[in-house]
């Protein structure tokens, strides 16, 4: 007499431990267990129930052990797969970075070049703005700083920079002219 209700040793765990894969096996065990006569009124009936309960327990632990062993095998396989994935990702990321480095360096240099031009253009735009009442000398210094930009290589920003520079020179020149005129009038009045 077997210790299990059905022969489990011949079962391939990989085939039954899938969604609903154990259902036919469990149904077979349930059917066989329920087909046994359960009579508690006799000693042999009680022994039969005890034996049947033991067989169910044995089937349960055998199936559980099979599932655990299969799970352990799968975890080992998954761990090996993850190790190889990690190696592939690391090496290919390093290769990608190495191959892309010249382009990344170029892009960074280009960003810095454009940012420098934008900062210089912004500096031109604010030349006409004073947070205080400037002196003639301060206006003249800003005007001189704009004329020093004549030799700057603006590249593709040239037309934008030239337009802003001309407007700033015009505004500062008019302001300087008005300030000189006011100073001359003040000097005339003082005489």
Protein backbone atom coordinates (compact mmCIF):
# COMPACT_ATOMS: atom_id res chain seq x y z
CA UNK A 1 0.00 0.00 0.00
CA UNK A 2 1.43 3.38 -1.05
CA UNK A 3 1.88 6.27 1.38
CA UNK A 4 0.13 8.63 -1.06
CA UNK A 5 -3.30 8.56 -2.60
CA UNK A 6 -1.84 8.72 -6.09
CA UNK A 7 1.67 8.15 -7.44
CA UNK A 8 3.32 11.54 -7.37
CA UNK A 9 6.90 10.46 -8.15
CA UNK A 10 6.10 10.25 -11.89
CA UNK A 11 4.86 13.86 -12.01
CA UNK A 12 6.96 16.44 -13.84
CA UNK A 13 6.89 19.51 -11.54
CA UNK A 14 7.59 21.90 -14.43
CA UNK A 15 4.39 20.74 -16.12
CA UNK A 16 2.06 20.87 -13.11
CA UNK A 17 3.33 23.97 -11.30
CA UNK A 18 1.79 26.31 -13.83
CA UNK A 19 -1.51 28.20 -13.59
CA UNK A 20 -4.26 25.60 -13.01
CA UNK A 21 -1.73 22.81 -13.70
CA UNK A 22 -2.32 21.11 -10.36
CA UNK A 23 -6.12 21.16 -10.65
CA UNK A 24 -6.50 17.72 -12.32
CA UNK A 25 -4.12 16.15 -9.79
CA UNK A 26 -5.87 17.75 -6.81
CA UNK A 27 -9.27 16.72 -8.16
CA UNK A 28 -8.03 13.13 -8.52
CA UNK A 29 -6.74 13.10 -4.92
CA UNK A 30 -10.03 14.60 -3.65
CA UNK A 31 -12.10 12.08 -5.61
CA UNK A 32 -10.09 9.11 -4.33
CA UNK A 33 -10.13 10.36 -0.72
CA UNK A 34 -13.88 10.95 -0.75
CA UNK A 35 -14.59 7.58 -2.34
CA UNK A 36 -13.24 5.77 0.75
CA UNK A 37 -15.85 4.68 3.28
CA UNK A 38 -15.41 6.60 6.52
CA UNK A 39 -16.84 4.66 9.40
CA UNK A 40 -15.84 5.77 12.89
CA UNK A 41 -17.97 3.10 14.56
CA UNK A 42 -15.42 0.31 14.03
CA UNK A 43 -11.71 0.04 14.84
CA UNK A 44 -10.86 -0.82 11.24
CA UNK A 45 -12.94 2.18 10.00
CA UNK A 46 -11.10 4.54 12.34
CA UNK A 47 -7.76 3.07 11.23
CA UNK A 48 -8.84 3.52 7.60
CA UNK A 49 -9.62 7.23 8.27
CA UNK A 50 -6.26 7.63 10.05
CA UNK A 51 -4.44 6.00 7.10
CA UNK A 52 -6.37 8.09 4.57
CA UNK A 53 -5.57 11.30 6.47
CA UNK A 54 -1.88 10.31 6.56
CA UNK A 55 -1.90 9.66 2.79
CA UNK A 56 -3.43 13.10 2.17
CA UNK A 57 -0.78 14.70 4.39
CA UNK A 58 1.96 12.78 2.59
CA UNK A 59 0.61 13.89 -0.82
CA UNK A 60 0.45 17.46 0.45
CA UNK A 61 4.05 17.50 1.71
CA UNK A 62 5.35 15.73 -1.41
CA UNK A 63 3.69 18.29 -3.72
CA UNK A 64 4.86 21.16 -1.51
CA UNK A 65 8.44 19.84 -1.55
CA UNK A 66 8.30 19.47 -5.35
CA UNK A 67 7.07 23.04 -5.69
CA UNK A 68 9.77 24.37 -3.33
CA UNK A 69 12.51 22.50 -5.22
CA UNK A 70 11.20 23.77 -8.56
CA UNK A 71 10.98 27.31 -7.15
CA UNK A 72 14.58 27.05 -5.90
CA UNK A 73 15.71 25.88 -9.36
CA UNK A 74 13.86 28.79 -10.96
CA UNK A 75 15.35 31.26 -8.46
CA UNK A 76 18.84 29.98 -9.32
CA UNK A 77 18.07 30.38 -13.02
CA UNK A 78 16.62 33.86 -12.45
CA UNK A 79 19.68 34.82 -10.37
CA UNK A 80 21.99 33.63 -13.17
CA UNK A 81 19.92 35.53 -15.73
CA UNK A 82 19.98 38.69 -13.59
CA UNK A 83 23.75 38.41 -13.14
CA UNK A 84 24.24 38.18 -16.89
CA UNK A 85 21.76 41.01 -17.51
CA UNK A 86 23.63 43.20 -15.05
CA UNK A 87 26.94 42.37 -16.72
CA UNK A 88 25.50 43.16 -20.16
CA UNK A 89 23.98 46.44 -19.00
CA UNK A 90 27.19 47.53 -17.27
CA UNK A 91 29.51 46.71 -20.13
CA UNK A 92 27.22 48.08 -22.82
CA UNK A 93 26.61 51.28 -20.82
CA UNK A 94 30.38 51.74 -20.57
CA UNK A 95 30.72 51.11 -24.32
CA UNK A 96 27.84 53.49 -25.08
CA UNK A 97 29.47 56.20 -22.93
CA UNK A 98 32.85 55.61 -24.61
CA UNK A 99 31.40 55.79 -28.13
CA UNK A 100 29.21 58.80 -27.32
CA UNK A 101 31.92 60.75 -25.43
CA UNK A 102 33.15 62.77 -28.44
CA UNK A 103 29.58 63.79 -29.25
CA UNK A 104 28.80 64.55 -25.60
CA UNK A 105 31.97 66.65 -25.36
CA UNK A 106 31.01 68.50 -28.54
CA UNK A 107 27.45 69.10 -27.28
CA UNK A 108 28.75 70.38 -23.93
CA UNK A 109 31.21 72.69 -25.70
CA UNK A 110 28.41 73.91 -27.97
CA UNK A 111 26.09 74.57 -25.00
CA UNK A 112 28.85 76.56 -23.31
CA UNK A 113 29.56 78.52 -26.50
CA UNK A 114 25.88 79.40 -26.96
CA UNK A 115 25.50 80.25 -23.26
CA UNK A 116 28.50 82.57 -23.48
CA UNK A 117 27.01 84.37 -26.50
CA UNK A 118 23.63 84.64 -24.76
CA UNK A 119 25.30 86.06 -21.64
CA UNK A 120 27.18 88.63 -23.74
CA UNK A 121 23.96 89.58 -25.55
CA UNK A 122 22.21 90.00 -22.20
CA UNK A 123 25.11 92.18 -21.07
CA UNK A 124 24.52 94.42 -24.11
CA UNK A 125 20.79 94.61 -23.35
CA UNK A 126 21.38 95.81 -19.77
CA UNK A 127 24.03 98.42 -20.67
CA UNK A 128 21.31 101.04 -21.06
CA UNK A 129 19.71 100.28 -17.69
CA UNK A 130 21.06 102.04 -14.61
CA UNK A 131 19.89 101.31 -11.08
CA UNK A 132 21.03 104.78 -10.10
CA UNK A 133 21.48 108.17 -11.72
CA UNK A 134 24.73 107.73 -13.66
CA UNK A 135 27.48 110.24 -14.11
CA UNK A 136 28.70 111.32 -17.52
CA UNK A 137 31.80 109.19 -16.96
CA UNK A 138 29.71 106.05 -16.18
CA UNK A 139 27.63 106.50 -19.34
CA UNK A 140 30.81 107.08 -21.36
CA UNK A 141 32.39 103.91 -19.90
CA UNK A 142 29.39 101.82 -20.95
CA UNK A 143 29.45 103.39 -24.39
CA UNK A 144 33.18 102.63 -24.70
CA UNK A 145 32.61 99.02 -23.58
CA UNK A 146 30.10 98.61 -26.41
CA UNK A 147 32.52 99.89 -29.03
CA UNK A 148 35.14 97.38 -27.78
CA UNK A 149 32.76 94.62 -28.92
CA UNK A 150 33.36 95.53 -32.59
CA UNK A 151 36.04 92.86 -32.96
CA UNK A 152 34.11 90.09 -31.19
CA UNK A 153 33.28 87.02 -33.29
CA UNK A 154 29.55 86.59 -32.65
CA UNK A 155 29.20 83.73 -35.17
CA UNK A 156 25.50 83.03 -35.81
CA UNK A 157 24.54 85.62 -33.17
CA UNK A 158 26.14 88.47 -35.13
CA UNK A 159 22.99 90.11 -36.51
CA UNK A 160 21.19 89.93 -33.18
CA UNK A 161 24.21 91.28 -31.27
CA UNK A 162 24.83 94.03 -33.84
CA UNK A 163 21.21 95.15 -33.69
CA UNK A 164 21.20 95.28 -29.88
CA UNK A 165 24.60 96.98 -29.81
CA UNK A 166 23.44 99.69 -32.26
CA UNK A 167 20.31 100.36 -30.23
CA UNK A 168 22.31 100.49 -26.97
CA UNK A 169 24.90 102.82 -28.52
CA UNK A 170 22.09 105.04 -29.80
CA UNK A 171 20.37 105.17 -26.38
CA UNK A 172 23.62 105.78 -24.49
CA UNK A 173 24.84 108.38 -27.04
CA UNK A 174 21.60 110.33 -26.75
CA UNK A 175 21.73 110.11 -22.97
CA UNK A 176 25.38 111.23 -22.95
CA UNK A 177 24.56 114.08 -25.32
CA UNK A 178 21.65 115.17 -23.11
CA UNK A 179 23.83 114.93 -20.00
CA UNK A 180 26.64 116.94 -21.65
CA UNK A 181 24.14 119.54 -22.80
CA UNK A 182 22.62 119.74 -19.31
CA UNK A 183 26.10 120.01 -17.78
CA UNK A 184 27.04 122.77 -20.24
CA UNK A 185 23.82 124.65 -19.47
CA UNK A 186 24.47 124.24 -15.75
CA UNK A 187 28.02 125.58 -16.20
CA UNK A 188 26.67 128.49 -18.27
CA UNK A 189 24.15 129.32 -15.58
CA UNK A 190 26.84 129.12 -12.94
CA UNK A 191 28.94 131.66 -14.91
